[in-house]
Amino acid sequence: MMHSATRRDIVLVVDDSPETLSLLTDALEEAGVTVLVAVEGANALTLVAQITPDV
């Protein structure tokens, strides 16, 4: 069961599969979450250094 976020939580999704990224991004955004996407670990580390995601 999904619930709407009470605030704009930030989630970092890391995956090398465009299909997986799309599915997760769509579901999380529908739940009211701000989604950051990275396709590899190095990109994820760069994002985390700039923005602190909630998950």
PDB file of N, CA and C in Angstrom:
ATOM      1  N   MET A   1       0.841  -1.179   0.000  1.00  0.00           N
ATOM      2  CA  MET A   1       0.000   0.000   0.000  1.00  0.00           C
ATOM      3  C   MET A   1       0.881   1.235   0.000  1.00  0.00           C
ATOM      4  N   MET A   2       0.626   2.152  -0.925  1.00  0.00           N
ATOM      5  CA  MET A   2       1.404   3.378  -1.010  1.00  0.00           C
ATOM      6  C   MET A   2       0.590   4.521  -0.425  1.00  0.00           C
ATOM      7  N   HIS A   3       1.293   5.456   0.189  1.00  0.00           N
ATOM      8  CA  HIS A   3       0.626   6.634   0.714  1.00  0.00           C
ATOM      9  C   HIS A   3       1.333   7.869   0.184  1.00  0.00           C
ATOM     10  N   SER A   4       0.629   8.957   0.145  1.00  0.00           N
ATOM     11  CA  SER A   4       1.217  10.201  -0.316  1.00  0.00           C
ATOM     12  C   SER A   4       2.179  10.727   0.729  1.00  0.00           C
ATOM     13  N   ALA A   5       3.293  11.237   0.267  1.00  0.00           N
ATOM     14  CA  ALA A   5       4.261  11.827   1.178  1.00  0.00           C
ATOM     15  C   ALA A   5       3.678  13.117   1.739  1.00  0.00           C
ATOM     16  N   THR A   6       3.911  13.377   3.024  1.00  0.00           N
ATOM     17  CA  THR A   6       3.410  14.597   3.638  1.00  0.00           C
ATOM     18  C   THR A   6       4.284  15.782   3.276  1.00  0.00           C
ATOM     19  N   ARG A   7       5.485  15.539   2.861  1.00  0.00           N
ATOM     20  CA  ARG A   7       6.363  16.577   2.339  1.00  0.00           C
ATOM     21  C   ARG A   7       7.085  15.978   1.149  1.00  0.00           C
ATOM     22  N   ARG A   8       7.811  16.782   0.451  1.00  0.00           N
ATOM     23  CA  ARG A   8       8.503  16.276  -0.735  1.00  0.00           C
ATOM     24  C   ARG A   8       9.787  15.565  -0.316  1.00  0.00           C
ATOM     25  N   ASP A   9       9.645  14.308   0.042  1.00  0.00           N
ATOM     26  CA  ASP A   9      10.818  13.499   0.340  1.00  0.00           C
ATOM     27  C   ASP A   9      11.665  13.385  -0.921  1.00  0.00           C
ATOM     28  N   ILE A  10      12.972  13.225  -0.731  1.00  0.00           N
ATOM     29  CA  ILE A  10      13.887  13.073  -1.856  1.00  0.00           C
ATOM     30  C   ILE A  10      14.466  11.667  -1.814  1.00  0.00           C
ATOM     31  N   VAL A  11      14.281  10.940  -2.915  1.00  0.00           N
ATOM     32  CA  VAL A  11      14.783   9.574  -3.023  1.00  0.00           C
ATOM     33  C   VAL A  11      15.762   9.509  -4.187  1.00  0.00           C
ATOM     34  N   LEU A  12      16.910   8.902  -3.930  1.00  0.00           N
ATOM     35  CA  LEU A  12      17.903   8.675  -4.975  1.00  0.00           C
ATOM     36  C   LEU A  12      17.743   7.249  -5.475  1.00  0.00           C
ATOM     37  N   VAL A  13      17.482   7.105  -6.769  1.00  0.00           N
ATOM     38  CA  VAL A  13      17.336   5.792  -7.393  1.00  0.00           C
ATOM     39  C   VAL A  13      18.562   5.563  -8.274  1.00  0.00           C
ATOM     40  N   VAL A  14      19.250   4.450  -8.030  1.00  0.00           N
ATOM     41  CA  VAL A  14      20.451   4.118  -8.793  1.00  0.00           C
ATOM     42  C   VAL A  14      20.238   2.766  -9.458  1.00  0.00           C
ATOM     43  N   ASP A  15      20.309   2.753 -10.775  1.00  0.00           N
ATOM     44  CA  ASP A  15      20.166   1.502 -11.513  1.00  0.00           C
ATOM     45  C   ASP A  15      20.660   1.734 -12.933  1.00  0.00           C
ATOM     46  N   ASP A  16      21.208   0.708 -13.552  1.00  0.00           N
ATOM     47  CA  ASP A  16      21.686   0.855 -14.923  1.00  0.00           C
ATOM     48  C   ASP A  16      20.644   0.440 -15.961  1.00  0.00           C
ATOM     49  N   SER A  17      19.462   0.089 -15.498  1.00  0.00           N
ATOM     50  CA  SER A  17      18.385  -0.310 -16.407  1.00  0.00           C
ATOM     51  C   SER A  17      17.410   0.853 -16.598  1.00  0.00           C
ATOM     52  N   PRO A  18      17.301   1.364 -17.820  1.00  0.00           N
ATOM     53  CA  PRO A  18      16.357   2.458 -18.068  1.00  0.00           C
ATOM     54  C   PRO A  18      14.915   2.089 -17.716  1.00  0.00           C
ATOM     55  N   GLU A  19      14.547   0.838 -17.955  1.00  0.00           N
ATOM     56  CA  GLU A  19      13.185   0.399 -17.649  1.00  0.00           C
ATOM     57  C   GLU A  19      12.916   0.447 -16.148  1.00  0.00           C
ATOM     58  N   THR A  20      13.870  -0.034 -15.365  1.00  0.00           N
ATOM     59  CA  THR A  20      13.721  -0.022 -13.906  1.00  0.00           C
ATOM     60  C   THR A  20      13.662   1.405 -13.389  1.00  0.00           C
ATOM     61  N   LEU A  21      14.549   2.257 -13.898  1.00  0.00           N
ATOM     62  CA  LEU A  21      14.542   3.661 -13.482  1.00  0.00           C
ATOM     63  C   LEU A  21      13.201   4.312 -13.792  1.00  0.00           C
ATOM     64  N   SER A  22      12.662   4.031 -14.958  1.00  0.00           N
ATOM     65  CA  SER A  22      11.383   4.611 -15.352  1.00  0.00           C
ATOM     66  C   SER A  22      10.250   4.136 -14.448  1.00  0.00           C
ATOM     67  N   LEU A  23      10.187   2.837 -14.196  1.00  0.00           N
ATOM     68  CA  LEU A  23       9.134   2.291 -13.335  1.00  0.00           C
ATOM     69  C   LEU A  23       9.201   2.871 -11.928  1.00  0.00           C
ATOM     70  N   LEU A  24      10.403   2.884 -11.356  1.00  0.00           N
ATOM     71  CA  LEU A  24      10.555   3.398  -9.995  1.00  0.00           C
ATOM     72  C   LEU A  24      10.272   4.894  -9.925  1.00  0.00           C
ATOM     73  N   THR A  25      10.780   5.633 -10.895  1.00  0.00           N
ATOM     74  CA  THR A  25      10.557   7.079 -10.916  1.00  0.00           C
ATOM     75  C   THR A  25       9.070   7.395 -11.019  1.00  0.00           C
ATOM     76  N   ASP A  26       8.372   6.727 -11.923  1.00  0.00           N
ATOM     77  CA  ASP A  26       6.933   6.962 -12.084  1.00  0.00           C
ATOM     78  C   ASP A  26       6.172   6.671 -10.793  1.00  0.00           C
ATOM     79  N   ALA A  27       6.466   5.541 -10.171  1.00  0.00           N
ATOM     80  CA  ALA A  27       5.756   5.154  -8.943  1.00  0.00           C
ATOM     81  C   ALA A  27       6.043   6.124  -7.803  1.00  0.00           C
ATOM     82  N   LEU A  28       7.298   6.502  -7.650  1.00  0.00           N
ATOM     83  CA  LEU A  28       7.662   7.404  -6.554  1.00  0.00           C
ATOM     84  C   LEU A  28       7.093   8.805  -6.769  1.00  0.00           C
ATOM     85  N   GLU A  29       7.160   9.304  -7.994  1.00  0.00           N
ATOM     86  CA  GLU A  29       6.602  10.628  -8.271  1.00  0.00           C
ATOM     87  C   GLU A  29       5.091  10.637  -8.065  1.00  0.00           C
ATOM     88  N   GLU A  30       4.430   9.549  -8.418  1.00  0.00           N
ATOM     89  CA  GLU A  30       2.986   9.446  -8.195  1.00  0.00           C
ATOM     90  C   GLU A  30       2.660   9.509  -6.706  1.00  0.00           C
ATOM     91  N   ALA A  31       3.588   9.036  -5.881  1.00  0.00           N
ATOM     92  CA  ALA A  31       3.409   9.066  -4.432  1.00  0.00           C
ATOM     93  C   ALA A  31       3.827  10.411  -3.833  1.00  0.00           C
ATOM     94  N   GLY A  32       4.238  11.357  -4.676  1.00  0.00           N
ATOM     95  CA  GLY A  32       4.584  12.680  -4.185  1.00  0.00           C
ATOM     96  C   GLY A  32       6.026  12.850  -3.770  1.00  0.00           C
ATOM     97  N   VAL A  33       6.879  11.973  -4.237  1.00  0.00           N
ATOM     98  CA  VAL A  33       8.293  12.001  -3.865  1.00  0.00           C
ATOM     99  C   VAL A  33       9.095  12.669  -4.974  1.00  0.00           C
ATOM    100  N   THR A  34      10.100  13.450  -4.592  1.00  0.00           N
ATOM    101  CA  THR A  34      11.051  13.986  -5.554  1.00  0.00           C
ATOM    102  C   THR A  34      12.095  12.911  -5.811  1.00  0.00           C
ATOM    103  N   VAL A  35      12.344  12.608  -7.075  1.00  0.00           N
ATOM    104  CA  VAL A  35      13.244  11.513  -7.424  1.00  0.00           C
ATOM    105  C   VAL A  35      14.490  12.051  -8.111  1.00  0.00           C
ATOM    106  N   LEU A  36      15.644  11.636  -7.602  1.00  0.00           N
ATOM    107  CA  LEU A  36      16.917  11.873  -8.265  1.00  0.00           C
ATOM    108  C   LEU A  36      17.337  10.550  -8.880  1.00  0.00           C
ATOM    109  N   VAL A  37      17.898  10.589 -10.084  1.00  0.00           N
ATOM    110  CA  VAL A  37      18.246   9.366 -10.797  1.00  0.00           C
ATOM    111  C   VAL A  37      19.731   9.361 -11.129  1.00  0.00           C
ATOM    112  N   ALA A  38      20.361   8.207 -10.914  1.00  0.00           N
ATOM    113  CA  ALA A  38      21.749   7.993 -11.314  1.00  0.00           C
ATOM    114  C   ALA A  38      21.838   6.628 -11.979  1.00  0.00           C
ATOM    115  N   VAL A  39      22.656   6.537 -13.027  1.00  0.00           N
ATOM    116  CA  VAL A  39      22.776   5.274 -13.747  1.00  0.00           C
ATOM    117  C   VAL A  39      24.008   4.475 -13.343  1.00  0.00           C
ATOM    118  N   GLU A  40      24.830   5.049 -12.475  1.00  0.00           N
ATOM    119  CA  GLU A  40      25.991   4.315 -11.978  1.00  0.00           C
ATOM    120  C   GLU A  40      26.418   4.899 -10.639  1.00  0.00           C
ATOM    121  N   GLY A  41      27.221   4.147  -9.918  1.00  0.00           N
ATOM    122  CA  GLY A  41      27.630   4.539  -8.578  1.00  0.00           C
ATOM    123  C   GLY A  41      28.328   5.883  -8.505  1.00  0.00           C
ATOM    124  N   ALA A  42      29.203   6.160  -9.468  1.00  0.00           N
ATOM    125  CA  ALA A  42      29.942   7.427  -9.451  1.00  0.00           C
ATOM    126  C   ALA A  42      28.989   8.612  -9.547  1.00  0.00           C
ATOM    127  N   ASN A  43      27.976   8.494 -10.401  1.00  0.00           N
ATOM    128  CA  ASN A  43      26.976   9.562 -10.516  1.00  0.00           C
ATOM    129  C   ASN A  43      26.200   9.719  -9.213  1.00  0.00           C
ATOM    130  N   ALA A  44      25.878   8.603  -8.586  1.00  0.00           N
ATOM    131  CA  ALA A  44      25.142   8.636  -7.322  1.00  0.00           C
ATOM    132  C   ALA A  44      25.948   9.352  -6.250  1.00  0.00           C
ATOM    133  N   LEU A  45      27.237   9.058  -6.175  1.00  0.00           N
ATOM    134  CA  LEU A  45      28.086   9.710  -5.175  1.00  0.00           C
ATOM    135  C   LEU A  45      28.171  11.210  -5.409  1.00  0.00           C
ATOM    136  N   THR A  46      28.226  11.622  -6.653  1.00  0.00           N
ATOM    137  CA  THR A  46      28.247  13.050  -6.974  1.00  0.00           C
ATOM    138  C   THR A  46      26.958  13.718  -6.512  1.00  0.00           C
ATOM    139  N   LEU A  47      25.822  13.085  -6.784  1.00  0.00           N
ATOM    140  CA  LEU A  47      24.536  13.644  -6.349  1.00  0.00           C
ATOM    141  C   LEU A  47      24.444  13.727  -4.831  1.00  0.00           C
ATOM    142  N   VAL A  48      24.886  12.682  -4.147  1.00  0.00           N
ATOM    143  CA  VAL A  48      24.815  12.658  -2.681  1.00  0.00           C
ATOM    144  C   VAL A  48      25.690  13.753  -2.085  1.00  0.00           C
ATOM    145  N   ALA A  49      26.804  14.061  -2.729  1.00  0.00           N
ATOM    146  CA  ALA A  49      27.680  15.127  -2.240  1.00  0.00           C
ATOM    147  C   ALA A  49      27.027  16.499  -2.389  1.00  0.00           C
ATOM    148  N   GLN A  50      26.137  16.642  -3.364  1.00  0.00           N
ATOM    149  CA  GLN A  50      25.487  17.923  -3.628  1.00  0.00           C
ATOM    150  C   GLN A  50      24.154  18.069  -2.907  1.00  0.00           C
ATOM    151  N   ILE A  51      23.399  16.992  -2.848  1.00  0.00           N
ATOM    152  CA  ILE A  51      22.053  17.005  -2.273  1.00  0.00           C
ATOM    153  C   ILE A  51      21.926  15.799  -1.365  1.00  0.00           C
ATOM    154  N   THR A  52      21.420  15.995  -0.175  1.00  0.00           N
ATOM    155  CA  THR A  52      21.247  14.877   0.748  1.00  0.00           C
ATOM    156  C   THR A  52      19.849  14.299   0.586  1.00  0.00           C
ATOM    157  N   PRO A  53      19.755  13.140  -0.072  1.00  0.00           N
ATOM    158  CA  PRO A  53      18.433  12.526  -0.217  1.00  0.00           C
ATOM    159  C   PRO A  53      17.967  11.920   1.099  1.00  0.00           C
ATOM    160  N   ASP A  54      16.660  11.745   1.236  1.00  0.00           N
ATOM    161  CA  ASP A  54      16.112  11.089   2.422  1.00  0.00           C
ATOM    162  C   ASP A  54      16.350   9.585   2.362  1.00  0.00           C
ATOM    163  N   VAL A  55      16.323   9.037   1.167  1.00  0.00           N
ATOM    164  CA  VAL A  55      16.564   7.602   0.967  1.00  0.00           C
ATOM    165  C   VAL A  55      17.396   7.432  -0.276  1.00  0.00           C
TER     166      VAL A  55
END
